């Protein structure tokens, strides 16, 4: 199928966002570009093949995933100097939690012309459904697999005054919710899954309640986990002192300050100064 686009696409790299579920979410511009490029770099040719089939586009696909070597990358960049090359991921916007980042960096360094076509991104769709504050958010990719590393990652993000957005897998969602309840107490969470598909759902509320739901109804599919920003509680000076004194009984001033900061949303440095004077 040819369109006038076949002749007019300039050589370079075209980053093309693809649907995250509902194939109706492909943009008209994405279809035109996929028709017009010489080759498509993709994570999995079976998944991209299904989309191309649906769009009645027949194109050569080159696998580009986490295991791609520097040689694979250089071969693609070589092509970009004389041909139009598309980069797609299995779903959504390439480079968001996937391997395209190195390719784009290398293409930029090689002076290749780069065009990015906006389209679906699970993190953004989930945020709009969640009802959590979306004026400031931090996308933090996947939480670590191991319990200790997961807890450390959450503690690291405890002071960020924004909604936190994570990608998560179905088998790990219950553990992740329990960790949020433990390390970021008092925060509202939202869990969005099967986005844009038939069984799309978004649940919000207390992390332990939602964990309970998924224990009795195991989740399937890709999941976005969102955690509301810290809630600065209106506490009197005396309340804050009491909380700090309580923690100072067993913790160093820096640790006590960090713990009370997580629980109250009060700035950690302010609490540390206070803790030192109480000590």
C-alpha atoms as a PDB file:
ATOM      1  CA  UNK A   1       0.000   0.000   0.000  1.00  0.00           C
ATOM      2  CA  UNK A   2       1.695   3.224  -1.028  1.00  0.00           C
ATOM      3  CA  UNK A   3       0.948   6.763  -0.038  1.00  0.00           C
ATOM      4  CA  UNK A   4       2.659   9.997  -0.929  1.00  0.00           C
ATOM      5  CA  UNK A   5       4.449   9.525   2.416  1.00  0.00           C
ATOM      6  CA  UNK A   6       6.612   6.743   0.904  1.00  0.00           C
ATOM      7  CA  UNK A   7       8.541   9.283  -1.127  1.00  0.00           C
ATOM      8  CA  UNK A   8       8.619  12.090   1.387  1.00  0.00           C
ATOM      9  CA  UNK A   9       9.979  10.488   4.570  1.00  0.00           C
ATOM     10  CA  UNK A  10      13.445  11.847   5.127  1.00  0.00           C
ATOM     11  CA  UNK A  11      16.189   9.500   6.310  1.00  0.00           C
ATOM     12  CA  UNK A  12      16.504   9.291  10.077  1.00  0.00           C
ATOM     13  CA  UNK A  13      14.989   7.717  13.178  1.00  0.00           C
ATOM     14  CA  UNK A  14      11.233   7.846  13.801  1.00  0.00           C
ATOM     15  CA  UNK A  15      10.147   6.995  17.357  1.00  0.00           C
ATOM     16  CA  UNK A  16       6.590   5.676  17.047  1.00  0.00           C
ATOM     17  CA  UNK A  17       4.236   5.169  20.022  1.00  0.00           C
ATOM     18  CA  UNK A  18       1.947   2.150  19.565  1.00  0.00           C
ATOM     19  CA  UNK A  19      -1.295   1.156  21.353  1.00  0.00           C
ATOM     20  CA  UNK A  20      -1.032  -0.230  24.897  1.00  0.00           C
ATOM     21  CA  UNK A  21      -4.104  -2.395  24.363  1.00  0.00           C
ATOM     22  CA  UNK A  22      -6.866  -1.007  22.194  1.00  0.00           C
ATOM     23  CA  UNK A  23      -5.611  -0.998  18.584  1.00  0.00           C
ATOM     24  CA  UNK A  24      -7.915   1.958  17.871  1.00  0.00           C
ATOM     25  CA  UNK A  25      -5.409   4.145  19.738  1.00  0.00           C
ATOM     26  CA  UNK A  26      -2.877   4.158  16.877  1.00  0.00           C
ATOM     27  CA  UNK A  27      -2.582   7.686  15.439  1.00  0.00           C
ATOM     28  CA  UNK A  28      -3.081   8.565  11.769  1.00  0.00           C
ATOM     29  CA  UNK A  29       0.459   9.949  11.708  1.00  0.00           C
ATOM     30  CA  UNK A  30       1.897   6.717  13.170  1.00  0.00           C
ATOM     31  CA  UNK A  31       0.193   4.707  10.389  1.00  0.00           C
ATOM     32  CA  UNK A  32       1.610   7.031   7.725  1.00  0.00           C
ATOM     33  CA  UNK A  33       5.126   6.802   9.143  1.00  0.00           C
ATOM     34  CA  UNK A  34       5.034   3.001   9.578  1.00  0.00           C
ATOM     35  CA  UNK A  35       3.977   2.783   5.919  1.00  0.00           C
ATOM     36  CA  UNK A  36       6.732   5.153   4.846  1.00  0.00           C
ATOM     37  CA  UNK A  37       9.821   3.761   6.617  1.00  0.00           C
ATOM     38  CA  UNK A  38      12.204   1.163   5.152  1.00  0.00           C
ATOM     39  CA  UNK A  39      12.501  -0.951   8.296  1.00  0.00           C
ATOM     40  CA  UNK A  40      10.994  -1.157  11.770  1.00  0.00           C
ATOM     41  CA  UNK A  41      13.165  -1.849  14.826  1.00  0.00           C
ATOM     42  CA  UNK A  42      11.024  -3.678  17.411  1.00  0.00           C
ATOM     43  CA  UNK A  43      11.310  -5.633  20.672  1.00  0.00           C
ATOM     44  CA  UNK A  44       9.313  -8.648  19.491  1.00  0.00           C
ATOM     45  CA  UNK A  45       8.436  -9.159  15.816  1.00  0.00           C
ATOM     46  CA  UNK A  46       5.413 -11.332  16.727  1.00  0.00           C
ATOM     47  CA  UNK A  47       3.774  -8.524  18.703  1.00  0.00           C
ATOM     48  CA  UNK A  48       4.663  -5.788  16.194  1.00  0.00           C
ATOM     49  CA  UNK A  49       3.680  -8.170  13.370  1.00  0.00           C
ATOM     50  CA  UNK A  50       0.150  -8.396  14.790  1.00  0.00           C
ATOM     51  CA  UNK A  51      -0.180  -4.610  14.789  1.00  0.00           C
ATOM     52  CA  UNK A  52       1.191  -4.293  11.236  1.00  0.00           C
ATOM     53  CA  UNK A  53      -1.172  -7.044  10.115  1.00  0.00           C
ATOM     54  CA  UNK A  54      -4.107  -5.168  11.631  1.00  0.00           C
ATOM     55  CA  UNK A  55      -2.993  -2.013   9.782  1.00  0.00           C
ATOM     56  CA  UNK A  56      -2.393  -3.990   6.541  1.00  0.00           C
ATOM     57  CA  UNK A  57       1.234  -2.869   6.420  1.00  0.00           C
ATOM     58  CA  UNK A  58       3.989  -5.217   5.298  1.00  0.00           C
ATOM     59  CA  UNK A  59       7.507  -4.147   6.398  1.00  0.00           C
ATOM     60  CA  UNK A  60      10.850  -5.657   7.240  1.00  0.00           C
ATOM     61  CA  UNK A  61      11.324  -5.864  11.026  1.00  0.00           C
ATOM     62  CA  UNK A  62      14.654  -5.908  12.860  1.00  0.00           C
ATOM     63  CA  UNK A  63      14.767  -7.102  16.449  1.00  0.00           C
ATOM     64  CA  UNK A  64      16.053  -4.465  18.867  1.00  0.00           C
ATOM     65  CA  UNK A  65      15.607  -5.378  22.533  1.00  0.00           C
ATOM     66  CA  UNK A  66      17.473  -5.568  25.865  1.00  0.00           C
ATOM     67  CA  UNK A  67      19.885  -8.100  24.385  1.00  0.00           C
ATOM     68  CA  UNK A  68      20.813  -6.034  21.323  1.00  0.00           C
ATOM     69  CA  UNK A  69      24.581  -5.638  20.922  1.00  0.00           C
ATOM     70  CA  UNK A  70      26.536  -2.524  20.046  1.00  0.00           C
ATOM     71  CA  UNK A  71      26.982  -4.039  16.581  1.00  0.00           C
ATOM     72  CA  UNK A  72      23.196  -4.283  16.112  1.00  0.00           C
ATOM     73  CA  UNK A  73      22.898  -0.682  17.212  1.00  0.00           C
ATOM     74  CA  UNK A  74      25.617   0.546  14.853  1.00  0.00           C
ATOM     75  CA  UNK A  75      24.059  -1.340  11.919  1.00  0.00           C
ATOM     76  CA  UNK A  76      20.723   0.408  12.555  1.00  0.00           C
ATOM     77  CA  UNK A  77      22.379   3.812  12.852  1.00  0.00           C
ATOM     78  CA  UNK A  78      24.264   3.212   9.598  1.00  0.00           C
ATOM     79  CA  UNK A  79      20.903   2.666   7.878  1.00  0.00           C
ATOM     80  CA  UNK A  80      19.438   5.860   9.358  1.00  0.00           C
ATOM     81  CA  UNK A  81      21.885   7.993   7.378  1.00  0.00           C
ATOM     82  CA  UNK A  82      20.234   6.911   4.116  1.00  0.00           C
ATOM     83  CA  UNK A  83      16.866   5.399   5.101  1.00  0.00           C
ATOM     84  CA  UNK A  84      13.889   6.105   7.342  1.00  0.00           C
ATOM     85  CA  UNK A  85      13.947   3.712  10.322  1.00  0.00           C
ATOM     86  CA  UNK A  86      11.065   3.393  12.827  1.00  0.00           C
ATOM     87  CA  UNK A  87      11.570   2.375  16.459  1.00  0.00           C
ATOM     88  CA  UNK A  88       8.590   0.829  18.260  1.00  0.00           C
ATOM     89  CA  UNK A  89       8.204  -1.000  21.575  1.00  0.00           C
ATOM     90  CA  UNK A  90       5.756  -3.832  22.265  1.00  0.00           C
ATOM     91  CA  UNK A  91       3.266  -1.316  23.657  1.00  0.00           C
ATOM     92  CA  UNK A  92       3.087   2.408  24.311  1.00  0.00           C
ATOM     93  CA  UNK A  93       5.798   5.013  23.922  1.00  0.00           C
ATOM     94  CA  UNK A  94       9.284   3.620  23.255  1.00  0.00           C
ATOM     95  CA  UNK A  95      12.033   4.398  25.826  1.00  0.00           C
ATOM     96  CA  UNK A  96       9.628   4.491  28.776  1.00  0.00           C
ATOM     97  CA  UNK A  97      11.013   1.508  30.747  1.00  0.00           C
ATOM     98  CA  UNK A  98      12.422  -0.169  27.637  1.00  0.00           C
ATOM     99  CA  UNK A  99      15.690  -0.506  25.700  1.00  0.00           C
ATOM    100  CA  UNK A 100      15.327   2.249  23.064  1.00  0.00           C
ATOM    101  CA  UNK A 101      17.196   4.809  25.161  1.00  0.00           C
ATOM    102  CA  UNK A 102      20.684   3.712  24.031  1.00  0.00           C
ATOM    103  CA  UNK A 103      19.675   3.686  20.385  1.00  0.00           C
ATOM    104  CA  UNK A 104      18.352   7.252  20.534  1.00  0.00           C
ATOM    105  CA  UNK A 105      21.429   8.457  22.429  1.00  0.00           C
ATOM    106  CA  UNK A 106      23.738   6.845  19.863  1.00  0.00           C
ATOM    107  CA  UNK A 107      21.673   8.175  16.940  1.00  0.00           C
ATOM    108  CA  UNK A 108      21.839  11.672  18.409  1.00  0.00           C
ATOM    109  CA  UNK A 109      25.624  11.405  18.786  1.00  0.00           C
ATOM    110  CA  UNK A 110      25.884  10.210  15.162  1.00  0.00           C
ATOM    111  CA  UNK A 111      24.018  13.315  13.953  1.00  0.00           C
ATOM    112  CA  UNK A 112      20.946  11.368  12.790  1.00  0.00           C
ATOM    113  CA  UNK A 113      17.714  13.353  12.405  1.00  0.00           C
ATOM    114  CA  UNK A 114      15.230  12.135  15.054  1.00  0.00           C
ATOM    115  CA  UNK A 115      11.439  12.531  15.022  1.00  0.00           C
ATOM    116  CA  UNK A 116       9.204  11.383  17.877  1.00  0.00           C
ATOM    117  CA  UNK A 117       5.505  10.725  17.285  1.00  0.00           C
ATOM    118  CA  UNK A 118       3.402  11.182  20.430  1.00  0.00           C
ATOM    119  CA  UNK A 119       0.889   8.547  21.407  1.00  0.00           C
ATOM    120  CA  UNK A 120      -0.217   6.218  24.189  1.00  0.00           C
ATOM    121  CA  UNK A 121       1.764   5.868  27.449  1.00  0.00           C
ATOM    122  CA  UNK A 122       0.398   3.680  30.253  1.00  0.00           C
ATOM    123  CA  UNK A 123       1.802   5.936  33.007  1.00  0.00           C
ATOM    124  CA  UNK A 124      -0.148   8.955  31.725  1.00  0.00           C
ATOM    125  CA  UNK A 125      -3.392   7.056  31.069  1.00  0.00           C
ATOM    126  CA  UNK A 126      -3.231   5.589  34.592  1.00  0.00           C
ATOM    127  CA  UNK A 127      -2.539   8.962  36.191  1.00  0.00           C
ATOM    128  CA  UNK A 128      -5.571  10.530  34.506  1.00  0.00           C
ATOM    129  CA  UNK A 129      -7.808   7.701  35.800  1.00  0.00           C
ATOM    130  CA  UNK A 130      -6.422   7.608  39.344  1.00  0.00           C
ATOM    131  CA  UNK A 131      -7.879  10.767  40.873  1.00  0.00           C
ATOM    132  CA  UNK A 132      -4.477  11.378  42.523  1.00  0.00           C
ATOM    133  CA  UNK A 133      -2.790  14.789  42.094  1.00  0.00           C
ATOM    134  CA  UNK A 134      -1.351  14.978  38.575  1.00  0.00           C
ATOM    135  CA  UNK A 135       0.133  18.493  38.595  1.00  0.00           C
ATOM    136  CA  UNK A 136       3.452  16.970  39.753  1.00  0.00           C
ATOM    137  CA  UNK A 137       4.376  13.333  39.334  1.00  0.00           C
ATOM    138  CA  UNK A 138       7.518  11.245  39.284  1.00  0.00           C
ATOM    139  CA  UNK A 139       7.708   8.216  37.006  1.00  0.00           C
ATOM    140  CA  UNK A 140      10.021   5.720  38.713  1.00  0.00           C
ATOM    141  CA  UNK A 141       9.864   2.671  36.424  1.00  0.00           C
ATOM    142  CA  UNK A 142       9.728  -0.773  38.041  1.00  0.00           C
ATOM    143  CA  UNK A 143      10.224  -1.258  41.781  1.00  0.00           C
ATOM    144  CA  UNK A 144      13.037  -3.715  42.622  1.00  0.00           C
ATOM    145  CA  UNK A 145      12.132  -7.381  42.973  1.00  0.00           C
ATOM    146  CA  UNK A 146      13.745  -8.086  46.357  1.00  0.00           C
ATOM    147  CA  UNK A 147      12.053  -6.911  49.552  1.00  0.00           C
ATOM    148  CA  UNK A 148      15.052  -5.009  50.994  1.00  0.00           C
ATOM    149  CA  UNK A 149      15.803  -3.173  47.740  1.00  0.00           C
ATOM    150  CA  UNK A 150      12.096  -2.394  47.280  1.00  0.00           C
ATOM    151  CA  UNK A 151      11.908  -0.863  50.763  1.00  0.00           C
ATOM    152  CA  UNK A 152      15.080   1.166  50.157  1.00  0.00           C
ATOM    153  CA  UNK A 153      13.683   2.486  46.858  1.00  0.00           C
ATOM    154  CA  UNK A 154      10.457   3.621  48.556  1.00  0.00           C
ATOM    155  CA  UNK A 155      12.357   5.284  51.438  1.00  0.00           C
ATOM    156  CA  UNK A 156      14.469   7.120  48.830  1.00  0.00           C
ATOM    157  CA  UNK A 157      11.313   8.551  47.270  1.00  0.00           C
ATOM    158  CA  UNK A 158       9.514   9.314  50.551  1.00  0.00           C
ATOM    159  CA  UNK A 159      10.285  13.064  50.506  1.00  0.00           C
ATOM    160  CA  UNK A 160       9.358  13.668  46.851  1.00  0.00           C
ATOM    161  CA  UNK A 161       6.417  16.127  46.901  1.00  0.00           C
ATOM    162  CA  UNK A 162       4.647  14.481  43.956  1.00  0.00           C
ATOM    163  CA  UNK A 163       2.515  11.488  42.998  1.00  0.00           C
ATOM    164  CA  UNK A 164       4.799   8.474  42.425  1.00  0.00           C
ATOM    165  CA  UNK A 165       4.124   6.306  39.371  1.00  0.00           C
ATOM    166  CA  UNK A 166       5.529   2.757  39.042  1.00  0.00           C
ATOM    167  CA  UNK A 167       5.123  -0.066  36.557  1.00  0.00           C
ATOM    168  CA  UNK A 168       4.521  -3.411  38.257  1.00  0.00           C
ATOM    169  CA  UNK A 169       3.894  -7.027  37.286  1.00  0.00           C
ATOM    170  CA  UNK A 170       0.803  -8.961  38.358  1.00  0.00           C
ATOM    171  CA  UNK A 171       2.667 -11.546  40.509  1.00  0.00           C
ATOM    172  CA  UNK A 172       4.384  -8.762  42.502  1.00  0.00           C
ATOM    173  CA  UNK A 173       1.558  -6.263  43.016  1.00  0.00           C
ATOM    174  CA  UNK A 174       0.483  -7.551  46.460  1.00  0.00           C
ATOM    175  CA  UNK A 175       4.067  -7.367  47.827  1.00  0.00           C
ATOM    176  CA  UNK A 176       4.486  -3.902  46.326  1.00  0.00           C
ATOM    177  CA  UNK A 177       1.273  -2.615  47.971  1.00  0.00           C
ATOM    178  CA  UNK A 178       2.299  -4.053  51.355  1.00  0.00           C
ATOM    179  CA  UNK A 179       5.689  -2.351  51.031  1.00  0.00           C
ATOM    180  CA  UNK A 180       3.992   0.998  50.288  1.00  0.00           C
ATOM    181  CA  UNK A 181       1.821   0.577  53.407  1.00  0.00           C
ATOM    182  CA  UNK A 182       4.939  -0.149  55.476  1.00  0.00           C
ATOM    183  CA  UNK A 183       7.400   2.432  54.130  1.00  0.00           C
ATOM    184  CA  UNK A 184       5.061   5.253  53.019  1.00  0.00           C
ATOM    185  CA  UNK A 185       2.334   5.067  55.675  1.00  0.00           C
ATOM    186  CA  UNK A 186      -0.856   7.074  55.340  1.00  0.00           C
ATOM    187  CA  UNK A 187      -0.700   7.535  51.572  1.00  0.00           C
ATOM    188  CA  UNK A 188      -3.556   6.944  49.188  1.00  0.00           C
ATOM    189  CA  UNK A 189      -2.687   4.613  46.319  1.00  0.00           C
ATOM    190  CA  UNK A 190      -4.265   3.695  42.988  1.00  0.00           C
ATOM    191  CA  UNK A 191      -3.746   0.568  40.894  1.00  0.00           C
ATOM    192  CA  UNK A 192      -4.632   0.613  37.194  1.00  0.00           C
ATOM    193  CA  UNK A 193      -4.534  -2.502  35.051  1.00  0.00           C
ATOM    194  CA  UNK A 194      -5.521  -3.821  31.622  1.00  0.00           C
ATOM    195  CA  UNK A 195      -5.545  -0.192  30.458  1.00  0.00           C
ATOM    196  CA  UNK A 196      -7.583   0.533  27.276  1.00  0.00           C
ATOM    197  CA  UNK A 197      -8.635  -3.149  27.151  1.00  0.00           C
ATOM    198  CA  UNK A 198     -11.993  -4.784  27.823  1.00  0.00           C
ATOM    199  CA  UNK A 199     -11.331  -5.483  31.516  1.00  0.00           C
ATOM    200  CA  UNK A 200      -9.687  -2.133  32.344  1.00  0.00           C
ATOM    201  CA  UNK A 201      -9.935  -1.213  36.016  1.00  0.00           C
ATOM    202  CA  UNK A 202      -8.560   1.388  38.390  1.00  0.00           C
ATOM    203  CA  UNK A 203      -8.868   0.862  42.157  1.00  0.00           C
ATOM    204  CA  UNK A 204      -7.893   3.526  44.649  1.00  0.00           C
ATOM    205  CA  UNK A 205      -7.759   3.810  48.416  1.00  0.00           C
ATOM    206  CA  UNK A 206      -5.753   2.194  51.209  1.00  0.00           C
ATOM    207  CA  UNK A 207      -2.839   0.012  50.022  1.00  0.00           C
ATOM    208  CA  UNK A 208      -3.648  -2.856  52.425  1.00  0.00           C
ATOM    209  CA  UNK A 209      -7.302  -2.944  51.328  1.00  0.00           C
ATOM    210  CA  UNK A 210      -6.262  -3.139  47.675  1.00  0.00           C
ATOM    211  CA  UNK A 211      -3.593  -5.764  48.492  1.00  0.00           C
ATOM    212  CA  UNK A 212      -6.354  -7.819  50.155  1.00  0.00           C
ATOM    213  CA  UNK A 213      -8.491  -7.560  47.030  1.00  0.00           C
ATOM    214  CA  UNK A 214      -5.687  -8.825  44.777  1.00  0.00           C
ATOM    215  CA  UNK A 215      -4.865 -11.643  47.204  1.00  0.00           C
ATOM    216  CA  UNK A 216      -8.353 -13.032  46.764  1.00  0.00           C
ATOM    217  CA  UNK A 217      -8.646 -12.005  43.068  1.00  0.00           C
ATOM    218  CA  UNK A 218      -5.141 -12.448  41.582  1.00  0.00           C
ATOM    219  CA  UNK A 219      -4.420  -9.720  39.035  1.00  0.00           C
ATOM    220  CA  UNK A 220      -3.487 -10.358  35.420  1.00  0.00           C
ATOM    221  CA  UNK A 221      -1.856  -8.105  32.868  1.00  0.00           C
ATOM    222  CA  UNK A 222       0.368  -5.050  33.046  1.00  0.00           C
ATOM    223  CA  UNK A 223      -0.091  -2.824  36.091  1.00  0.00           C
ATOM    224  CA  UNK A 224       0.533   0.821  36.967  1.00  0.00           C
ATOM    225  CA  UNK A 225       0.879   1.514  40.704  1.00  0.00           C
ATOM    226  CA  UNK A 226       0.501   5.127  41.862  1.00  0.00           C
ATOM    227  CA  UNK A 227       1.178   6.544  45.327  1.00  0.00           C
ATOM    228  CA  UNK A 228      -0.193   9.922  46.402  1.00  0.00           C
ATOM    229  CA  UNK A 229       2.219  12.655  47.583  1.00  0.00           C
ATOM    230  CA  UNK A 230       3.192  13.013  51.263  1.00  0.00           C
ATOM    231  CA  UNK A 231       0.447  14.567  53.342  1.00  0.00           C
ATOM    232  CA  UNK A 232       1.854  17.291  55.601  1.00  0.00           C
ATOM    233  CA  UNK A 233      -0.255  16.840  58.726  1.00  0.00           C
ATOM    234  CA  UNK A 234      -1.106  19.901  60.756  1.00  0.00           C
ATOM    235  CA  UNK A 235       0.728  19.046  63.930  1.00  0.00           C
ATOM    236  CA  UNK A 236       1.551  21.330  66.820  1.00  0.00           C
ATOM    237  CA  UNK A 237       5.171  21.944  67.768  1.00  0.00           C
ATOM    238  CA  UNK A 238       4.588  19.798  70.887  1.00  0.00           C
ATOM    239  CA  UNK A 239       3.211  16.890  68.794  1.00  0.00           C
ATOM    240  CA  UNK A 240       6.280  16.937  66.551  1.00  0.00           C
ATOM    241  CA  UNK A 241       8.613  17.035  69.584  1.00  0.00           C
ATOM    242  CA  UNK A 242       6.756  14.067  71.103  1.00  0.00           C
ATOM    243  CA  UNK A 243       7.067  12.048  67.884  1.00  0.00           C
ATOM    244  CA  UNK A 244      10.791  12.811  67.689  1.00  0.00           C
ATOM    245  CA  UNK A 245      11.420  12.022  71.368  1.00  0.00           C
ATOM    246  CA  UNK A 246       9.656   8.719  70.898  1.00  0.00           C
ATOM    247  CA  UNK A 247      11.932   7.750  67.972  1.00  0.00           C
ATOM    248  CA  UNK A 248      15.100   9.130  69.643  1.00  0.00           C
ATOM    249  CA  UNK A 249      14.676   6.530  72.377  1.00  0.00           C
ATOM    250  CA  UNK A 250      15.906   3.888  69.925  1.00  0.00           C
ATOM    251  CA  UNK A 251      17.277   5.715  66.873  1.00  0.00           C
ATOM    252  CA  UNK A 252      20.062   8.149  65.945  1.00  0.00           C
ATOM    253  CA  UNK A 253      18.882  11.762  65.314  1.00  0.00           C
ATOM    254  CA  UNK A 254      19.263  11.362  61.527  1.00  0.00           C
ATOM    255  CA  UNK A 255      17.212   8.143  61.520  1.00  0.00           C
ATOM    256  CA  UNK A 256      14.562   9.573  63.843  1.00  0.00           C
ATOM    257  CA  UNK A 257      14.234  12.658  61.611  1.00  0.00           C
ATOM    258  CA  UNK A 258      13.916  10.491  58.484  1.00  0.00           C
ATOM    259  CA  UNK A 259      11.214   8.325  60.067  1.00  0.00           C
ATOM    260  CA  UNK A 260       9.122  11.253  61.346  1.00  0.00           C
ATOM    261  CA  UNK A 261       9.542  12.985  57.957  1.00  0.00           C
ATOM    262  CA  UNK A 262       8.057   9.927  56.229  1.00  0.00           C
ATOM    263  CA  UNK A 263       5.145   9.818  58.642  1.00  0.00           C
ATOM    264  CA  UNK A 264       4.305  13.521  58.634  1.00  0.00           C
ATOM    265  CA  UNK A 265       5.570  14.974  55.358  1.00  0.00           C
ATOM    266  CA  UNK A 266       7.558  17.598  57.326  1.00  0.00           C
ATOM    267  CA  UNK A 267      10.948  18.480  55.842  1.00  0.00           C
ATOM    268  CA  UNK A 268      13.635  16.088  57.069  1.00  0.00           C
ATOM    269  CA  UNK A 269      16.310  18.776  57.551  1.00  0.00           C
ATOM    270  CA  UNK A 270      14.009  20.795  59.801  1.00  0.00           C
ATOM    271  CA  UNK A 271      13.318  17.670  61.864  1.00  0.00           C
ATOM    272  CA  UNK A 272      17.017  16.790  62.051  1.00  0.00           C
ATOM    273  CA  UNK A 273      17.872  20.204  63.552  1.00  0.00           C
ATOM    274  CA  UNK A 274      15.020  19.721  66.034  1.00  0.00           C
ATOM    275  CA  UNK A 275      16.170  16.194  66.894  1.00  0.00           C
ATOM    276  CA  UNK A 276      19.699  17.431  67.632  1.00  0.00           C
ATOM    277  CA  UNK A 277      18.382  20.074  70.059  1.00  0.00           C
ATOM    278  CA  UNK A 278      16.112  17.523  71.805  1.00  0.00           C
ATOM    279  CA  UNK A 279      18.980  15.056  72.140  1.00  0.00           C
END
